[in-house]
Amino acid sequence: MNSKTIYNEALPGLSEALLHGSRIVDLLPGPDQLVRRQPKVKITITLNSRSVEFFKKAAKTHHMKYQTMINEVLDLYASRYTADSDRGSLE
């Protein structure tokens, strides 16, 4: 269907805003800034089935891989104790 949409009424002030508005600079980061490129190390780990099921369910809800979610949690935990030595230490 190739019918044109015809607008009869615009919101009050819309044409004025379009005529006198200014262009907004792109607010989104570039694709290279969206992907964190951290070196990965393959390991074998045994986890509680309850924890794995939690991450699998959450990952399915958010359309992502459960291993990625577990990795993010571990990264946050490690960075918390690496960057904030005043509040806690693993040593």
Foldseek 3Di string as FASTA:
>chain_A
DDDDDDDDDDDPCPVVCVVPPDDDDDPDDDPVVVDDDDDDDDDDDDDDPVVQVVLVVVCVVVVHDSVVVVVVVVVVVVCCQVVCVPPDHPD
